[in-house]
């Protein structure tokens, strides 16, 4: 068993599926306020119950701050990433890590039957791997000591 085995659904079960979202009509300022308040790095952008994009700190810095736009007047819909990669709860941790690495992204929505059921971050992946390694070491130690 490798330390990256496990499914995205298992991680969501442990971390919880609560996801903070923002509307495409919100201002960028409102979005960055929410990021700061919740201490998170990205927000799924949801119109009704439909995922339409992702807003990230990277979107803000590259598409607002560096372009001299106003975060108070720029709408989230104007700068979001709309080509959103996603996973299902049945995908593996390795699938998520591979996708994040290849696409240079840190957050992946988890979709099931066309609905977002969670959000996985690179931090979630790191925490999962650390926990899995710790559990494997504990099992090995118990086996070697005859417990």
C-alpha atoms as a PDB file:
ATOM      1  CA  UNK A   1       0.000   0.000   0.000  1.00  0.00           C
ATOM      2  CA  UNK A   2       1.446   3.362  -1.006  1.00  0.00           C
ATOM      3  CA  UNK A   3       1.007   6.530   1.001  1.00  0.00           C
ATOM      4  CA  UNK A   4      -0.996   8.069  -1.840  1.00  0.00           C
ATOM      5  CA  UNK A   5      -3.631   5.354  -1.964  1.00  0.00           C
ATOM      6  CA  UNK A   6      -7.151   6.403  -1.141  1.00  0.00           C
ATOM      7  CA  UNK A   7      -9.969   8.156  -2.880  1.00  0.00           C
ATOM      8  CA  UNK A   8     -10.997  11.777  -3.030  1.00  0.00           C
ATOM      9  CA  UNK A   9     -14.295  10.748  -1.447  1.00  0.00           C
ATOM     10  CA  UNK A  10     -12.414   9.422   1.587  1.00  0.00           C
ATOM     11  CA  UNK A  11     -10.573  12.723   1.972  1.00  0.00           C
ATOM     12  CA  UNK A  12     -13.835  14.673   1.687  1.00  0.00           C
ATOM     13  CA  UNK A  13     -15.367  12.396   4.309  1.00  0.00           C
ATOM     14  CA  UNK A  14     -12.537  13.250   6.727  1.00  0.00           C
ATOM     15  CA  UNK A  15     -12.228  16.972   5.971  1.00  0.00           C
ATOM     16  CA  UNK A  16     -15.898  17.674   5.352  1.00  0.00           C
ATOM     17  CA  UNK A  17     -17.563  18.746   2.148  1.00  0.00           C
ATOM     18  CA  UNK A  18     -18.342  22.333   3.193  1.00  0.00           C
ATOM     19  CA  UNK A  19     -17.193  24.692   0.431  1.00  0.00           C
ATOM     20  CA  UNK A  20     -17.232  28.484   0.411  1.00  0.00           C
ATOM     21  CA  UNK A  21     -18.380  29.820  -2.957  1.00  0.00           C
ATOM     22  CA  UNK A  22     -18.925  33.189  -4.611  1.00  0.00           C
ATOM     23  CA  UNK A  23     -21.279  34.512  -7.266  1.00  0.00           C
ATOM     24  CA  UNK A  24     -19.937  35.683 -10.644  1.00  0.00           C
ATOM     25  CA  UNK A  25     -21.745  38.999 -10.052  1.00  0.00           C
ATOM     26  CA  UNK A  26     -19.764  39.711  -6.855  1.00  0.00           C
ATOM     27  CA  UNK A  27     -16.899  42.171  -6.956  1.00  0.00           C
ATOM     28  CA  UNK A  28     -13.321  41.006  -6.797  1.00  0.00           C
ATOM     29  CA  UNK A  29     -13.012  42.962  -3.549  1.00  0.00           C
ATOM     30  CA  UNK A  30     -15.803  40.878  -1.995  1.00  0.00           C
ATOM     31  CA  UNK A  31     -14.056  37.722  -3.177  1.00  0.00           C
ATOM     32  CA  UNK A  32     -10.678  38.641  -1.698  1.00  0.00           C
ATOM     33  CA  UNK A  33     -12.381  39.643   1.551  1.00  0.00           C
ATOM     34  CA  UNK A  34     -13.950  36.173   1.736  1.00  0.00           C
ATOM     35  CA  UNK A  35     -10.613  34.519   0.952  1.00  0.00           C
ATOM     36  CA  UNK A  36      -9.001  36.479   3.788  1.00  0.00           C
ATOM     37  CA  UNK A  37     -11.840  35.858   6.280  1.00  0.00           C
ATOM     38  CA  UNK A  38     -11.849  32.107   5.658  1.00  0.00           C
ATOM     39  CA  UNK A  39      -8.055  31.836   5.224  1.00  0.00           C
ATOM     40  CA  UNK A  40      -8.403  30.044   1.892  1.00  0.00           C
ATOM     41  CA  UNK A  41      -6.753  30.480  -1.499  1.00  0.00           C
ATOM     42  CA  UNK A  42      -9.571  29.907  -3.970  1.00  0.00           C
ATOM     43  CA  UNK A  43     -13.339  30.054  -4.351  1.00  0.00           C
ATOM     44  CA  UNK A  44     -15.522  28.086  -6.717  1.00  0.00           C
ATOM     45  CA  UNK A  45     -17.677  30.536  -8.660  1.00  0.00           C
ATOM     46  CA  UNK A  46     -21.270  29.323  -8.663  1.00  0.00           C
ATOM     47  CA  UNK A  47     -24.224  30.682 -10.608  1.00  0.00           C
ATOM     48  CA  UNK A  48     -27.315  29.174  -9.009  1.00  0.00           C
ATOM     49  CA  UNK A  49     -26.195  25.581  -8.494  1.00  0.00           C
ATOM     50  CA  UNK A  50     -23.868  25.500 -11.502  1.00  0.00           C
ATOM     51  CA  UNK A  51     -20.071  25.726 -11.219  1.00  0.00           C
ATOM     52  CA  UNK A  52     -18.949  28.367 -13.742  1.00  0.00           C
ATOM     53  CA  UNK A  53     -15.320  28.860 -12.725  1.00  0.00           C
ATOM     54  CA  UNK A  54     -12.719  29.263 -10.009  1.00  0.00           C
ATOM     55  CA  UNK A  55     -11.488  32.515  -8.479  1.00  0.00           C
ATOM     56  CA  UNK A  56      -8.021  32.325  -6.948  1.00  0.00           C
ATOM     57  CA  UNK A  57      -5.456  34.618  -5.391  1.00  0.00           C
ATOM     58  CA  UNK A  58      -3.472  34.061  -8.589  1.00  0.00           C
ATOM     59  CA  UNK A  59      -6.383  35.412 -10.689  1.00  0.00           C
ATOM     60  CA  UNK A  60      -6.473  38.517  -8.510  1.00  0.00           C
ATOM     61  CA  UNK A  61      -2.759  39.241  -8.647  1.00  0.00           C
ATOM     62  CA  UNK A  62      -2.359  38.611 -12.365  1.00  0.00           C
ATOM     63  CA  UNK A  63      -5.652  39.943 -13.745  1.00  0.00           C
ATOM     64  CA  UNK A  64      -6.478  42.806 -11.371  1.00  0.00           C
ATOM     65  CA  UNK A  65      -3.478  44.040  -9.371  1.00  0.00           C
ATOM     66  CA  UNK A  66      -0.904  43.778 -12.185  1.00  0.00           C
ATOM     67  CA  UNK A  67      -3.328  45.224 -14.764  1.00  0.00           C
ATOM     68  CA  UNK A  68      -4.192  48.240 -12.616  1.00  0.00           C
ATOM     69  CA  UNK A  69      -7.887  47.342 -12.381  1.00  0.00           C
ATOM     70  CA  UNK A  70     -10.018  48.193  -9.354  1.00  0.00           C
ATOM     71  CA  UNK A  71     -11.048  45.285  -7.168  1.00  0.00           C
ATOM     72  CA  UNK A  72     -14.045  47.378  -6.045  1.00  0.00           C
ATOM     73  CA  UNK A  73     -15.531  47.645  -9.548  1.00  0.00           C
ATOM     74  CA  UNK A  74     -14.226  44.543 -11.347  1.00  0.00           C
ATOM     75  CA  UNK A  75     -16.674  41.636 -11.235  1.00  0.00           C
ATOM     76  CA  UNK A  76     -15.517  38.125 -10.421  1.00  0.00           C
ATOM     77  CA  UNK A  77     -16.951  36.884 -13.761  1.00  0.00           C
ATOM     78  CA  UNK A  78     -14.494  39.141 -15.637  1.00  0.00           C
ATOM     79  CA  UNK A  79     -11.356  37.441 -14.351  1.00  0.00           C
ATOM     80  CA  UNK A  80     -12.186  33.878 -13.299  1.00  0.00           C
ATOM     81  CA  UNK A  81     -10.675  30.752 -14.730  1.00  0.00           C
ATOM     82  CA  UNK A  82     -13.528  29.099 -16.623  1.00  0.00           C
ATOM     83  CA  UNK A  83     -11.713  26.025 -17.947  1.00  0.00           C
ATOM     84  CA  UNK A  84     -11.959  24.217 -14.620  1.00  0.00           C
ATOM     85  CA  UNK A  85     -10.350  20.832 -14.088  1.00  0.00           C
ATOM     86  CA  UNK A  86     -12.267  18.639 -11.657  1.00  0.00           C
ATOM     87  CA  UNK A  87     -12.331  15.232  -9.995  1.00  0.00           C
ATOM     88  CA  UNK A  88     -14.974  12.800  -8.818  1.00  0.00           C
ATOM     89  CA  UNK A  89     -15.144  11.239  -5.345  1.00  0.00           C
ATOM     90  CA  UNK A  90     -14.015   7.958  -6.973  1.00  0.00           C
ATOM     91  CA  UNK A  91     -10.732   9.398  -8.290  1.00  0.00           C
ATOM     92  CA  UNK A  92      -7.586   8.607  -6.332  1.00  0.00           C
ATOM     93  CA  UNK A  93      -5.223  10.844  -4.415  1.00  0.00           C
ATOM     94  CA  UNK A  94      -2.626  10.012  -7.074  1.00  0.00           C
ATOM     95  CA  UNK A  95      -5.048  11.221  -9.791  1.00  0.00           C
ATOM     96  CA  UNK A  96      -5.483  14.516  -7.935  1.00  0.00           C
ATOM     97  CA  UNK A  97      -1.760  15.007  -7.371  1.00  0.00           C
ATOM     98  CA  UNK A  98      -0.998  14.232 -11.020  1.00  0.00           C
ATOM     99  CA  UNK A  99      -3.656  16.679 -12.253  1.00  0.00           C
ATOM    100  CA  UNK A 100      -2.525  19.446  -9.891  1.00  0.00           C
ATOM    101  CA  UNK A 101       1.092  18.986 -10.929  1.00  0.00           C
ATOM    102  CA  UNK A 102       0.447  18.807 -14.679  1.00  0.00           C
ATOM    103  CA  UNK A 103      -1.935  21.774 -14.727  1.00  0.00           C
ATOM    104  CA  UNK A 104      -0.062  23.858 -12.108  1.00  0.00           C
ATOM    105  CA  UNK A 105      -3.181  24.278  -9.975  1.00  0.00           C
ATOM    106  CA  UNK A 106      -3.764  24.080  -6.250  1.00  0.00           C
ATOM    107  CA  UNK A 107      -7.537  23.544  -5.999  1.00  0.00           C
ATOM    108  CA  UNK A 108      -9.847  21.029  -7.661  1.00  0.00           C
ATOM    109  CA  UNK A 109     -13.624  20.935  -7.408  1.00  0.00           C
ATOM    110  CA  UNK A 110     -15.055  17.485  -6.770  1.00  0.00           C
ATOM    111  CA  UNK A 111     -18.046  16.831  -9.019  1.00  0.00           C
ATOM    112  CA  UNK A 112     -20.666  14.106  -8.952  1.00  0.00           C
ATOM    113  CA  UNK A 113     -23.619  13.912 -11.338  1.00  0.00           C
ATOM    114  CA  UNK A 114     -22.951  17.477 -12.493  1.00  0.00           C
ATOM    115  CA  UNK A 115     -22.973  18.935  -8.974  1.00  0.00           C
ATOM    116  CA  UNK A 116     -20.054  20.126  -6.878  1.00  0.00           C
ATOM    117  CA  UNK A 117     -19.766  17.981  -3.760  1.00  0.00           C
ATOM    118  CA  UNK A 118     -16.494  19.359  -2.409  1.00  0.00           C
ATOM    119  CA  UNK A 119     -13.179  21.068  -3.086  1.00  0.00           C
ATOM    120  CA  UNK A 120      -9.737  19.518  -2.675  1.00  0.00           C
ATOM    121  CA  UNK A 121      -6.591  21.605  -2.191  1.00  0.00           C
ATOM    122  CA  UNK A 122      -2.918  20.784  -2.382  1.00  0.00           C
ATOM    123  CA  UNK A 123      -2.894  21.227   1.409  1.00  0.00           C
ATOM    124  CA  UNK A 124      -5.484  18.466   1.702  1.00  0.00           C
ATOM    125  CA  UNK A 125      -3.195  16.211  -0.346  1.00  0.00           C
ATOM    126  CA  UNK A 126      -0.190  16.947   1.860  1.00  0.00           C
ATOM    127  CA  UNK A 127      -2.207  16.324   5.040  1.00  0.00           C
ATOM    128  CA  UNK A 128      -3.508  13.028   3.626  1.00  0.00           C
ATOM    129  CA  UNK A 129      -0.035  11.806   2.720  1.00  0.00           C
ATOM    130  CA  UNK A 130       1.411  12.763   6.107  1.00  0.00           C
ATOM    131  CA  UNK A 131      -1.439  10.952   7.887  1.00  0.00           C
ATOM    132  CA  UNK A 132      -1.059   7.883   5.666  1.00  0.00           C
ATOM    133  CA  UNK A 133       2.702   7.754   6.263  1.00  0.00           C
ATOM    134  CA  UNK A 134       2.208   8.094  10.001  1.00  0.00           C
ATOM    135  CA  UNK A 135      -0.365   5.279  10.027  1.00  0.00           C
ATOM    136  CA  UNK A 136       1.937   3.047   7.950  1.00  0.00           C
ATOM    137  CA  UNK A 137       4.840   3.687  10.340  1.00  0.00           C
ATOM    138  CA  UNK A 138       2.630   2.911  13.342  1.00  0.00           C
ATOM    139  CA  UNK A 139       1.527  -0.379  11.738  1.00  0.00           C
ATOM    140  CA  UNK A 140       5.099  -1.324  10.918  1.00  0.00           C
ATOM    141  CA  UNK A 141       6.261  -0.508  14.432  1.00  0.00           C
ATOM    142  CA  UNK A 142       3.411  -2.567  15.947  1.00  0.00           C
ATOM    143  CA  UNK A 143       4.246  -5.506  13.660  1.00  0.00           C
ATOM    144  CA  UNK A 144       7.955  -5.390  14.431  1.00  0.00           C
ATOM    145  CA  UNK A 145       7.389  -5.132  18.162  1.00  0.00           C
ATOM    146  CA  UNK A 146       4.865  -7.997  18.092  1.00  0.00           C
ATOM    147  CA  UNK A 147       1.883  -5.896  19.230  1.00  0.00           C
END
